[in-house]
């Protein structure tokens, strides 16, 4: 019960903050205003969210170790790269916001806030660094595993950003879908074969 209450408070505070950030801009809303809107003290807010940016980016926290979970949960006869490819393509098919291929207005507004705020982009890189570290551990933890994880996370980030840019420019998710699948397939081929043919 206590854990459930904590999760609900966490979500309510973040929702209040994001609503205010979308209305007025991230830099124009203070942490004190968010705390007041959520009816909690500033110290309590910082117990839930160590930094102002985390009020927005906690939505990525569930995805932080997603690539690692895909690798560790794959079928015995499936390679890590095949599992990650399948997972990303499934995400495109579902229009998962993490793939950038989502034209739901609330998601677009959230992503505009995220990508349009330098402090949030910088904090997002920290989340992606932790995602890379988790994937490297799932792959085995050695230097080759860390190199592979860095490349894989970069590919997933770039694919998602490219999908979002096209949708932000006015294309529908349905219109972008075929191209997004083709780009993902090409990206995974490049991950599998290396950079030599492309350098």
N, C-alpha and C. Protein backbone atom coordinates (compact mmCIF):
# COMPACT_ATOMS: atom_id res chain seq x y z
N UNK A 1 0.83 -1.20 0.00
CA UNK A 1 0.00 0.00 0.00
C UNK A 1 0.87 1.26 0.00
N UNK A 2 1.91 1.21 0.81
CA UNK A 2 2.81 2.37 0.90
C UNK A 2 3.53 2.61 -0.43
N UNK A 3 3.98 1.53 -1.06
CA UNK A 3 4.67 1.63 -2.35
C UNK A 3 3.73 2.16 -3.42
N UNK A 4 2.49 1.72 -3.38
CA UNK A 4 1.48 2.20 -4.33
C UNK A 4 1.24 3.70 -4.16
N UNK A 5 1.13 4.14 -2.91
CA UNK A 5 0.93 5.57 -2.64
C UNK A 5 2.12 6.38 -3.14
N UNK A 6 3.30 5.85 -2.95
CA UNK A 6 4.51 6.54 -3.41
C UNK A 6 4.50 6.67 -4.94
N UNK A 7 4.12 5.58 -5.65
CA UNK A 7 4.06 5.62 -7.12
C UNK A 7 3.02 6.63 -7.59
N UNK A 8 1.87 6.68 -6.92
CA UNK A 8 0.82 7.62 -7.30
C UNK A 8 1.27 9.06 -7.09
N UNK A 9 1.94 9.32 -5.98
CA UNK A 9 2.47 10.66 -5.72
C UNK A 9 3.50 11.03 -6.77
N UNK A 10 4.39 10.11 -7.06
CA UNK A 10 5.43 10.30 -8.07
C UNK A 10 4.80 10.71 -9.40
N UNK A 11 3.78 9.96 -9.81
CA UNK A 11 3.11 10.23 -11.08
C UNK A 11 2.37 11.56 -11.04
N UNK A 12 1.68 11.85 -9.95
CA UNK A 12 0.91 13.09 -9.84
C UNK A 12 1.82 14.31 -9.90
N UNK A 13 2.95 14.24 -9.22
CA UNK A 13 3.89 15.37 -9.22
C UNK A 13 4.44 15.57 -10.63
N UNK A 14 4.84 14.49 -11.27
CA UNK A 14 5.38 14.59 -12.63
C UNK A 14 4.32 15.12 -13.60
N UNK A 15 3.10 14.62 -13.51
CA UNK A 15 2.03 15.08 -14.40
C UNK A 15 1.78 16.58 -14.22
N UNK A 16 1.75 17.03 -12.97
CA UNK A 16 1.54 18.46 -12.70
C UNK A 16 2.68 19.28 -13.30
N UNK A 17 3.90 18.81 -13.12
CA UNK A 17 5.07 19.52 -13.65
C UNK A 17 5.03 19.59 -15.17
N UNK A 18 4.75 18.46 -15.81
CA UNK A 18 4.75 18.43 -17.28
C UNK A 18 3.66 19.34 -17.83
N UNK A 19 2.50 19.35 -17.19
CA UNK A 19 1.43 20.25 -17.63
C UNK A 19 1.90 21.70 -17.57
N UNK A 20 2.55 22.08 -16.48
CA UNK A 20 3.05 23.45 -16.34
C UNK A 20 4.16 23.74 -17.36
N UNK A 21 5.05 22.80 -17.56
CA UNK A 21 6.15 22.99 -18.52
C UNK A 21 5.60 23.16 -19.93
N UNK A 22 4.59 22.37 -20.29
CA UNK A 22 4.00 22.47 -21.63
C UNK A 22 3.30 23.81 -21.82
N UNK A 23 2.67 24.31 -20.77
CA UNK A 23 1.95 25.58 -20.86
C UNK A 23 2.89 26.77 -20.93
N UNK A 24 3.96 26.75 -20.10
CA UNK A 24 4.78 27.96 -19.95
C UNK A 24 6.23 27.81 -20.36
N UNK A 25 6.67 26.57 -20.57
CA UNK A 25 8.08 26.35 -20.91
C UNK A 25 8.85 25.86 -19.69
N UNK A 26 9.77 24.94 -19.91
CA UNK A 26 10.53 24.32 -18.83
C UNK A 26 11.27 25.35 -17.99
N UNK A 27 11.94 26.29 -18.64
CA UNK A 27 12.78 27.26 -17.93
C UNK A 27 11.98 28.33 -17.20
N UNK A 28 10.71 28.47 -17.52
CA UNK A 28 9.89 29.52 -16.90
C UNK A 28 9.09 29.03 -15.68
N UNK A 29 9.23 27.76 -15.35
CA UNK A 29 8.53 27.19 -14.20
C UNK A 29 9.57 26.80 -13.15
N UNK A 30 9.37 27.26 -11.94
CA UNK A 30 10.32 26.92 -10.87
C UNK A 30 9.91 25.63 -10.17
N UNK A 31 10.87 25.03 -9.50
CA UNK A 31 10.59 23.83 -8.72
C UNK A 31 9.61 24.16 -7.60
N UNK A 32 9.72 25.33 -7.02
CA UNK A 32 8.80 25.75 -5.96
C UNK A 32 7.36 25.80 -6.48
N UNK A 33 7.17 26.27 -7.71
CA UNK A 33 5.83 26.31 -8.29
C UNK A 33 5.27 24.90 -8.50
N UNK A 34 6.13 24.00 -8.94
CA UNK A 34 5.70 22.61 -9.14
C UNK A 34 5.30 22.01 -7.80
N UNK A 35 6.13 22.22 -6.78
CA UNK A 35 5.83 21.69 -5.45
C UNK A 35 4.50 22.24 -4.94
N UNK A 36 4.28 23.53 -5.12
CA UNK A 36 3.03 24.15 -4.66
C UNK A 36 1.83 23.56 -5.42
N UNK A 37 1.97 23.38 -6.73
CA UNK A 37 0.88 22.82 -7.53
C UNK A 37 0.56 21.39 -7.12
N UNK A 38 1.60 20.66 -6.70
CA UNK A 38 1.42 19.27 -6.29
C UNK A 38 1.09 19.15 -4.80
N UNK A 39 1.04 20.29 -4.12
CA UNK A 39 0.72 20.34 -2.69
C UNK A 39 1.71 19.52 -1.84
N UNK A 40 3.00 19.68 -2.17
CA UNK A 40 4.06 19.07 -1.36
C UNK A 40 5.16 20.11 -1.16
N UNK A 41 6.04 19.86 -0.23
CA UNK A 41 7.15 20.79 0.02
C UNK A 41 8.26 20.56 -1.01
N UNK A 42 9.12 21.57 -1.15
CA UNK A 42 10.27 21.41 -2.05
C UNK A 42 11.18 20.25 -1.63
N UNK A 43 11.50 20.12 -0.33
CA UNK A 43 12.33 18.97 0.06
C UNK A 43 11.68 17.62 -0.28
N UNK A 44 10.36 17.53 -0.14
CA UNK A 44 9.67 16.29 -0.50
C UNK A 44 9.77 16.04 -2.00
N UNK A 45 9.60 17.10 -2.79
CA UNK A 45 9.71 16.96 -4.24
C UNK A 45 11.10 16.42 -4.61
N UNK A 46 12.14 16.97 -3.97
CA UNK A 46 13.49 16.53 -4.30
C UNK A 46 13.79 15.11 -3.80
N UNK A 47 13.00 14.61 -2.86
CA UNK A 47 13.15 13.20 -2.47
C UNK A 47 12.65 12.28 -3.59
N UNK A 48 11.64 12.74 -4.31
CA UNK A 48 11.12 11.97 -5.43
C UNK A 48 11.94 12.20 -6.70
N UNK A 49 12.35 13.43 -6.92
CA UNK A 49 13.04 13.82 -8.16
C UNK A 49 14.30 14.61 -7.81
N UNK A 50 15.47 13.99 -7.91
CA UNK A 50 16.71 14.66 -7.51
C UNK A 50 17.03 15.94 -8.28
N UNK A 51 16.52 16.06 -9.52
CA UNK A 51 16.76 17.26 -10.32
C UNK A 51 15.46 17.65 -11.03
N UNK A 52 15.34 18.92 -11.34
CA UNK A 52 14.15 19.42 -12.04
C UNK A 52 13.90 18.64 -13.33
N UNK A 53 14.97 18.32 -14.07
CA UNK A 53 14.84 17.59 -15.32
C UNK A 53 14.19 16.23 -15.14
N UNK A 54 14.40 15.63 -13.98
CA UNK A 54 13.84 14.30 -13.72
C UNK A 54 12.31 14.32 -13.64
N UNK A 55 11.73 15.49 -13.40
CA UNK A 55 10.27 15.60 -13.41
C UNK A 55 9.71 15.22 -14.78
N UNK A 56 10.47 15.49 -15.82
CA UNK A 56 10.07 15.15 -17.18
C UNK A 56 10.60 13.78 -17.57
N UNK A 57 11.85 13.55 -17.29
CA UNK A 57 12.53 12.37 -17.82
C UNK A 57 12.24 11.08 -17.06
N UNK A 58 11.55 11.16 -15.95
CA UNK A 58 11.25 9.90 -15.25
C UNK A 58 10.44 8.97 -16.16
N UNK A 59 9.76 9.54 -17.16
CA UNK A 59 9.00 8.70 -18.09
C UNK A 59 9.91 7.78 -18.89
N UNK A 60 11.19 8.14 -18.97
CA UNK A 60 12.15 7.28 -19.65
C UNK A 60 12.77 6.25 -18.71
N UNK A 61 12.55 6.42 -17.42
CA UNK A 61 13.18 5.53 -16.44
C UNK A 61 12.79 4.07 -16.66
N UNK A 62 11.53 3.83 -17.03
CA UNK A 62 11.08 2.46 -17.29
C UNK A 62 11.79 1.85 -18.49
N UNK A 63 12.28 2.71 -19.37
CA UNK A 63 12.93 2.24 -20.59
C UNK A 63 14.44 2.19 -20.46
N UNK A 64 14.95 2.65 -19.33
CA UNK A 64 16.39 2.77 -19.16
C UNK A 64 17.11 1.43 -19.36
N UNK A 65 16.54 0.36 -18.86
CA UNK A 65 17.18 -0.95 -19.02
C UNK A 65 16.41 -1.85 -19.99
N UNK A 66 15.61 -1.22 -20.85
CA UNK A 66 14.77 -1.99 -21.77
C UNK A 66 15.60 -2.84 -22.72
N UNK A 67 16.64 -2.28 -23.31
CA UNK A 67 17.48 -3.06 -24.24
C UNK A 67 18.12 -4.24 -23.50
N UNK A 68 18.57 -3.99 -22.29
CA UNK A 68 19.17 -5.08 -21.49
C UNK A 68 18.14 -6.17 -21.20
N UNK A 69 16.90 -5.77 -20.86
CA UNK A 69 15.85 -6.75 -20.60
C UNK A 69 15.53 -7.57 -21.83
N UNK A 70 15.53 -6.91 -23.00
CA UNK A 70 15.26 -7.63 -24.25
C UNK A 70 16.34 -8.69 -24.47
N UNK A 71 17.58 -8.33 -24.23
CA UNK A 71 18.69 -9.27 -24.44
C UNK A 71 18.62 -10.42 -23.45
N UNK A 72 18.39 -10.12 -22.19
CA UNK A 72 18.38 -11.21 -21.19
C UNK A 72 17.11 -12.06 -21.28
N UNK A 73 16.04 -11.51 -21.85
CA UNK A 73 14.79 -12.27 -21.94
C UNK A 73 14.56 -12.93 -23.28
N UNK A 74 15.55 -12.88 -24.14
CA UNK A 74 15.38 -13.43 -25.50
C UNK A 74 15.31 -14.96 -25.48
N UNK A 75 14.79 -15.51 -26.56
CA UNK A 75 14.75 -16.97 -26.71
C UNK A 75 16.17 -17.51 -26.83
N UNK A 76 16.40 -18.76 -26.39
CA UNK A 76 17.77 -19.33 -26.42
C UNK A 76 18.39 -19.35 -27.81
N UNK A 77 17.57 -19.49 -28.86
CA UNK A 77 18.12 -19.57 -30.22
C UNK A 77 18.19 -18.21 -30.92
N UNK A 78 17.91 -17.12 -30.20
CA UNK A 78 17.90 -15.79 -30.77
C UNK A 78 19.15 -15.02 -30.33
N UNK A 79 19.83 -14.38 -31.27
CA UNK A 79 21.01 -13.59 -30.91
C UNK A 79 20.56 -12.28 -30.26
N UNK A 80 21.43 -11.64 -29.48
CA UNK A 80 21.06 -10.34 -28.90
C UNK A 80 20.64 -9.33 -29.96
N UNK A 81 21.37 -9.25 -31.06
CA UNK A 81 21.04 -8.28 -32.10
C UNK A 81 19.70 -8.60 -32.76
N UNK A 82 19.42 -9.87 -32.98
CA UNK A 82 18.12 -10.26 -33.55
C UNK A 82 16.98 -9.90 -32.59
N UNK A 83 17.20 -10.10 -31.30
CA UNK A 83 16.17 -9.77 -30.31
C UNK A 83 15.91 -8.27 -30.28
N UNK A 84 16.96 -7.47 -30.33
CA UNK A 84 16.81 -6.01 -30.30
C UNK A 84 16.14 -5.50 -31.58
N UNK A 85 16.50 -6.10 -32.71
CA UNK A 85 15.86 -5.74 -33.98
C UNK A 85 14.37 -6.05 -33.93
N UNK A 86 14.03 -7.26 -33.50
CA UNK A 86 12.62 -7.67 -33.40
C UNK A 86 11.86 -6.71 -32.48
N UNK A 87 12.45 -6.39 -31.35
CA UNK A 87 11.81 -5.52 -30.37
C UNK A 87 11.56 -4.12 -30.96
N UNK A 88 12.56 -3.57 -31.65
CA UNK A 88 12.39 -2.23 -32.23
C UNK A 88 11.32 -2.25 -33.32
N UNK A 89 11.35 -3.26 -34.18
CA UNK A 89 10.33 -3.35 -35.24
C UNK A 89 8.93 -3.52 -34.65
N UNK A 90 8.81 -4.31 -33.58
CA UNK A 90 7.52 -4.44 -32.88
C UNK A 90 7.07 -3.08 -32.34
N UNK A 91 8.02 -2.32 -31.80
CA UNK A 91 7.71 -0.98 -31.29
C UNK A 91 7.22 -0.06 -32.38
N UNK A 92 7.84 -0.12 -33.55
CA UNK A 92 7.36 0.67 -34.69
C UNK A 92 5.93 0.28 -35.04
N UNK A 93 5.66 -1.01 -35.08
CA UNK A 93 4.34 -1.51 -35.43
C UNK A 93 3.28 -1.03 -34.42
N UNK A 94 3.66 -0.97 -33.14
CA UNK A 94 2.74 -0.52 -32.08
C UNK A 94 2.69 1.00 -31.96
N UNK A 95 3.55 1.69 -32.71
CA UNK A 95 3.67 3.16 -32.62
C UNK A 95 4.10 3.57 -31.21
N UNK A 96 5.02 2.80 -30.66
CA UNK A 96 5.57 3.08 -29.33
C UNK A 96 6.30 4.42 -29.36
N UNK A 97 5.97 5.36 -28.47
CA UNK A 97 6.65 6.66 -28.46
C UNK A 97 8.17 6.57 -28.36
N UNK A 98 8.70 5.51 -27.76
CA UNK A 98 10.15 5.37 -27.62
C UNK A 98 10.82 5.24 -28.99
N UNK A 99 10.09 4.75 -29.99
CA UNK A 99 10.65 4.62 -31.34
C UNK A 99 10.56 5.92 -32.12
N UNK A 100 9.92 6.94 -31.55
CA UNK A 100 9.72 8.20 -32.26
C UNK A 100 8.57 8.16 -33.23
N UNK A 101 8.00 7.00 -33.46
CA UNK A 101 6.94 6.83 -34.45
C UNK A 101 5.57 6.87 -33.77
N UNK A 102 5.20 8.04 -33.30
CA UNK A 102 3.93 8.21 -32.60
C UNK A 102 3.44 9.62 -32.87
N UNK A 103 2.24 9.74 -33.43
CA UNK A 103 1.71 11.07 -33.73
C UNK A 103 0.53 11.46 -32.84
N UNK A 104 0.44 10.83 -31.68
CA UNK A 104 -0.56 11.23 -30.69
C UNK A 104 -0.21 12.65 -30.22
N UNK A 105 -1.14 13.59 -30.26
CA UNK A 105 -0.81 14.99 -29.94
C UNK A 105 -0.09 15.19 -28.59
N UNK A 106 -0.52 14.47 -27.55
CA UNK A 106 0.13 14.64 -26.25
C UNK A 106 1.58 14.16 -26.28
N UNK A 107 1.84 13.10 -27.02
CA UNK A 107 3.21 12.59 -27.15
C UNK A 107 4.05 13.58 -27.93
N UNK A 108 3.50 14.12 -29.01
CA UNK A 108 4.24 15.12 -29.80
C UNK A 108 4.58 16.34 -28.95
N UNK A 109 3.63 16.80 -28.15
CA UNK A 109 3.89 17.96 -27.29
C UNK A 109 5.00 17.64 -26.29
N UNK A 110 4.94 16.45 -25.71
CA UNK A 110 5.97 16.04 -24.76
C UNK A 110 7.35 15.99 -25.43
N UNK A 111 7.42 15.40 -26.63
CA UNK A 111 8.71 15.29 -27.32
C UNK A 111 9.23 16.65 -27.78
N UNK A 112 8.33 17.56 -28.15
CA UNK A 112 8.77 18.93 -28.48
C UNK A 112 9.38 19.60 -27.25
N UNK A 113 8.74 19.40 -26.10
CA UNK A 113 9.29 19.94 -24.85
C UNK A 113 10.66 19.34 -24.60
N UNK A 114 10.76 18.03 -24.72
CA UNK A 114 12.02 17.33 -24.45
C UNK A 114 13.13 17.80 -25.38
N UNK A 115 12.91 17.66 -26.69
CA UNK A 115 13.97 17.96 -27.65
C UNK A 115 14.21 19.46 -27.81
N UNK A 116 13.26 20.27 -27.38
CA UNK A 116 13.42 21.72 -27.50
C UNK A 116 14.02 22.39 -26.27
N UNK A 117 14.37 21.61 -25.26
CA UNK A 117 14.93 22.16 -24.02
C UNK A 117 16.33 21.60 -23.81
N UNK A 118 17.37 22.41 -23.98
CA UNK A 118 18.75 21.90 -23.87
C UNK A 118 19.03 21.16 -22.56
N UNK A 119 18.50 21.64 -21.46
CA UNK A 119 18.76 20.96 -20.17
C UNK A 119 18.16 19.55 -20.16
N UNK A 120 17.02 19.38 -20.81
CA UNK A 120 16.40 18.06 -20.86
C UNK A 120 17.15 17.13 -21.80
N UNK A 121 17.63 17.66 -22.92
CA UNK A 121 18.42 16.85 -23.85
C UNK A 121 19.69 16.37 -23.16
N UNK A 122 20.34 17.25 -22.40
CA UNK A 122 21.56 16.87 -21.69
C UNK A 122 21.26 15.78 -20.67
N UNK A 123 20.16 15.92 -19.95
CA UNK A 123 19.80 14.90 -18.95
C UNK A 123 19.41 13.58 -19.62
N UNK A 124 18.79 13.67 -20.79
CA UNK A 124 18.43 12.47 -21.55
C UNK A 124 19.69 11.66 -21.89
N UNK A 125 20.77 12.36 -22.20
CA UNK A 125 22.02 11.65 -22.51
C UNK A 125 22.50 10.85 -21.31
N UNK A 126 22.27 11.35 -20.10
CA UNK A 126 22.65 10.59 -18.90
C UNK A 126 21.82 9.31 -18.80
N UNK A 127 20.53 9.39 -19.09
CA UNK A 127 19.67 8.20 -19.10
C UNK A 127 20.17 7.20 -20.14
N UNK A 128 20.52 7.72 -21.31
CA UNK A 128 21.00 6.83 -22.37
C UNK A 128 22.34 6.19 -22.00
N UNK A 129 23.16 6.93 -21.25
CA UNK A 129 24.42 6.35 -20.77
C UNK A 129 24.17 5.18 -19.84
N UNK A 130 23.16 5.31 -18.98
CA UNK A 130 22.83 4.21 -18.08
C UNK A 130 22.22 3.03 -18.86
N UNK A 131 21.47 3.34 -19.90
CA UNK A 131 20.91 2.29 -20.76
C UNK A 131 22.03 1.53 -21.45
N UNK A 132 23.02 2.26 -21.93
CA UNK A 132 24.18 1.64 -22.57
C UNK A 132 24.94 0.75 -21.59
N UNK A 133 25.14 1.23 -20.36
CA UNK A 133 25.86 0.44 -19.35
C UNK A 133 25.09 -0.84 -19.01
N UNK A 134 23.76 -0.74 -18.88
CA UNK A 134 22.95 -1.93 -18.57
C UNK A 134 23.02 -2.94 -19.72
N UNK A 135 22.96 -2.44 -20.96
CA UNK A 135 23.04 -3.34 -22.10
C UNK A 135 24.42 -4.00 -22.16
N UNK A 136 25.46 -3.24 -21.91
CA UNK A 136 26.82 -3.81 -21.92
C UNK A 136 26.94 -4.94 -20.90
N UNK A 137 26.37 -4.74 -19.71
CA UNK A 137 26.39 -5.81 -18.69
C UNK A 137 25.63 -7.04 -19.18
N UNK A 138 24.48 -6.81 -19.83
CA UNK A 138 23.67 -7.94 -20.33
C UNK A 138 24.41 -8.70 -21.43
N UNK A 139 25.25 -8.00 -22.17
CA UNK A 139 26.00 -8.64 -23.24
C UNK A 139 27.24 -9.36 -22.74
N UNK A 140 27.65 -9.08 -21.51
CA UNK A 140 28.81 -9.76 -20.95
C UNK A 140 29.75 -8.87 -20.17
N UNK A 141 29.74 -7.57 -20.43
CA UNK A 141 30.49 -6.62 -19.62
C UNK A 141 31.89 -6.30 -20.07
N UNK A 142 32.44 -7.00 -21.03
CA UNK A 142 33.80 -6.72 -21.49
C UNK A 142 33.85 -5.52 -22.42
N UNK A 143 35.05 -5.15 -22.82
CA UNK A 143 35.21 -4.01 -23.72
C UNK A 143 34.45 -4.21 -25.03
N UNK A 144 34.54 -5.37 -25.67
CA UNK A 144 33.74 -5.55 -26.90
C UNK A 144 32.24 -5.39 -26.65
N UNK A 145 31.77 -5.82 -25.48
CA UNK A 145 30.34 -5.69 -25.14
C UNK A 145 29.97 -4.22 -24.95
N UNK A 146 30.87 -3.46 -24.33
CA UNK A 146 30.62 -2.03 -24.13
C UNK A 146 30.63 -1.29 -25.48
N UNK A 147 31.53 -1.67 -26.36
CA UNK A 147 31.55 -1.06 -27.70
C UNK A 147 30.25 -1.38 -28.45
N UNK A 148 29.83 -2.63 -28.39
CA UNK A 148 28.58 -3.02 -29.06
C UNK A 148 27.39 -2.27 -28.47
N UNK A 149 27.33 -2.19 -27.14
CA UNK A 149 26.21 -1.50 -26.49
C UNK A 149 26.17 -0.03 -26.90
N UNK A 150 27.33 0.61 -26.97
CA UNK A 150 27.37 2.01 -27.38
C UNK A 150 26.83 2.21 -28.78
N UNK A 151 27.20 1.32 -29.67
CA UNK A 151 26.71 1.41 -31.05
C UNK A 151 25.21 1.15 -31.13
N UNK A 152 24.75 0.14 -30.41
CA UNK A 152 23.33 -0.22 -30.46
C UNK A 152 22.46 0.90 -29.91
N UNK A 153 22.83 1.44 -28.76
CA UNK A 153 22.04 2.53 -28.16
C UNK A 153 22.05 3.76 -29.05
N UNK A 154 23.19 4.05 -29.67
CA UNK A 154 23.26 5.19 -30.60
C UNK A 154 22.33 4.97 -31.79
N UNK A 155 22.30 3.77 -32.33
CA UNK A 155 21.43 3.47 -33.47
C UNK A 155 19.96 3.64 -33.07
N UNK A 156 19.58 3.11 -31.92
CA UNK A 156 18.18 3.23 -31.47
C UNK A 156 17.81 4.70 -31.27
N UNK A 157 18.72 5.48 -30.70
CA UNK A 157 18.47 6.91 -30.46
C UNK A 157 18.29 7.65 -31.78
N UNK A 158 19.18 7.39 -32.73
CA UNK A 158 19.13 8.11 -34.02
C UNK A 158 17.88 7.72 -34.81
N UNK A 159 17.53 6.44 -34.81
CA UNK A 159 16.31 6.02 -35.50
C UNK A 159 15.09 6.71 -34.90
N UNK A 160 14.99 6.73 -33.59
CA UNK A 160 13.84 7.36 -32.92
C UNK A 160 13.80 8.85 -33.21
N UNK A 161 14.94 9.51 -33.16
CA UNK A 161 14.98 10.95 -33.41
C UNK A 161 14.59 11.27 -34.85
N UNK A 162 15.06 10.47 -35.78
CA UNK A 162 14.69 10.68 -37.19
C UNK A 162 13.19 10.49 -37.40
N UNK A 163 12.61 9.47 -36.79
CA UNK A 163 11.16 9.27 -36.90
C UNK A 163 10.41 10.46 -36.32
N UNK A 164 10.84 10.92 -35.15
CA UNK A 164 10.16 12.05 -34.51
C UNK A 164 10.29 13.30 -35.37
N UNK A 165 11.44 13.55 -35.94
CA UNK A 165 11.63 14.76 -36.77
C UNK A 165 10.67 14.77 -37.95
N UNK A 166 10.48 13.62 -38.58
CA UNK A 166 9.56 13.56 -39.72
C UNK A 166 8.13 13.81 -39.27
N UNK A 167 7.75 13.25 -38.14
CA UNK A 167 6.39 13.46 -37.64
C UNK A 167 6.22 14.90 -37.17
N UNK A 168 7.23 15.44 -36.52
CA UNK A 168 7.16 16.83 -36.08
C UNK A 168 7.04 17.80 -37.26
N UNK A 169 7.57 17.40 -38.41
CA UNK A 169 7.48 18.21 -39.62
C UNK A 169 6.11 18.09 -40.30
N UNK A 170 5.23 17.22 -39.76
CA UNK A 170 3.87 17.17 -40.26
C UNK A 170 3.44 15.86 -40.90
N UNK A 171 4.35 14.89 -41.02
CA UNK A 171 3.95 13.60 -41.59
C UNK A 171 3.24 12.77 -40.53
N UNK A 172 2.34 11.90 -40.95
CA UNK A 172 1.65 11.02 -40.01
C UNK A 172 2.54 9.81 -39.71
N UNK A 173 2.27 9.16 -38.59
CA UNK A 173 3.01 7.95 -38.24
C UNK A 173 2.79 6.88 -39.30
N UNK A 174 1.58 6.78 -39.82
CA UNK A 174 1.31 5.78 -40.85
C UNK A 174 2.13 6.04 -42.11
N UNK A 175 2.28 7.30 -42.46
CA UNK A 175 3.06 7.65 -43.66
C UNK A 175 4.56 7.38 -43.45
N UNK A 176 5.05 7.59 -42.26
CA UNK A 176 6.48 7.42 -41.95
C UNK A 176 6.83 5.95 -41.75
N UNK A 177 5.84 5.13 -41.41
CA UNK A 177 6.09 3.75 -40.97
C UNK A 177 6.98 2.94 -41.93
N UNK A 178 6.64 2.87 -43.21
CA UNK A 178 7.40 2.03 -44.14
C UNK A 178 8.86 2.47 -44.20
N UNK A 179 9.10 3.77 -44.27
CA UNK A 179 10.47 4.28 -44.30
C UNK A 179 11.19 4.00 -43.00
N UNK A 180 10.47 4.08 -41.89
CA UNK A 180 11.08 3.82 -40.58
C UNK A 180 11.51 2.37 -40.47
N UNK A 181 10.69 1.46 -40.98
CA UNK A 181 11.04 0.04 -40.97
C UNK A 181 12.27 -0.19 -41.84
N UNK A 182 12.30 0.41 -43.03
CA UNK A 182 13.44 0.22 -43.94
C UNK A 182 14.72 0.77 -43.30
N UNK A 183 14.64 1.95 -42.69
CA UNK A 183 15.83 2.52 -42.05
C UNK A 183 16.29 1.67 -40.88
N UNK A 184 15.35 1.11 -40.12
CA UNK A 184 15.72 0.23 -39.01
C UNK A 184 16.40 -1.04 -39.53
N UNK A 185 15.85 -1.62 -40.58
CA UNK A 185 16.45 -2.83 -41.15
C UNK A 185 17.88 -2.53 -41.62
N UNK A 186 18.07 -1.42 -42.31
CA UNK A 186 19.40 -1.04 -42.79
C UNK A 186 20.35 -0.79 -41.62
N UNK A 187 19.84 -0.17 -40.58
CA UNK A 187 20.68 0.12 -39.41
C UNK A 187 21.14 -1.17 -38.73
N UNK A 188 20.25 -2.14 -38.62
CA UNK A 188 20.64 -3.40 -37.98
C UNK A 188 21.59 -4.21 -38.88
N UNK A 189 21.45 -4.09 -40.19
CA UNK A 189 22.43 -4.70 -41.09
C UNK A 189 23.79 -4.06 -40.86
N UNK A 190 23.81 -2.74 -40.76
CA UNK A 190 25.07 -2.04 -40.52
C UNK A 190 25.68 -2.43 -39.17
N UNK A 191 24.85 -2.59 -38.14
CA UNK A 191 25.37 -3.05 -36.86
C UNK A 191 25.98 -4.45 -37.00
N UNK A 192 25.34 -5.29 -37.77
CA UNK A 192 25.81 -6.67 -37.92
C UNK A 192 27.09 -6.75 -38.76
N UNK A 193 27.17 -5.93 -39.82
CA UNK A 193 28.30 -6.05 -40.75
C UNK A 193 29.44 -5.10 -40.45
N UNK A 194 29.18 -4.07 -39.65
CA UNK A 194 30.24 -3.11 -39.34
C UNK A 194 30.24 -1.92 -40.28
N UNK A 195 31.19 -1.05 -40.08
CA UNK A 195 31.20 0.24 -40.79
C UNK A 195 31.98 0.19 -42.10
N UNK A 196 32.77 -0.80 -42.34
CA UNK A 196 33.68 -0.80 -43.48
C UNK A 196 33.01 -0.48 -44.82
N UNK A 197 31.88 -1.11 -45.15
CA UNK A 197 31.26 -0.80 -46.45
C UNK A 197 30.75 0.65 -46.53
N UNK A 198 30.54 1.31 -45.38
CA UNK A 198 29.93 2.64 -45.35
C UNK A 198 30.96 3.73 -45.15
N UNK A 199 32.17 3.38 -44.74
CA UNK A 199 33.18 4.39 -44.41
C UNK A 199 33.73 5.03 -45.67
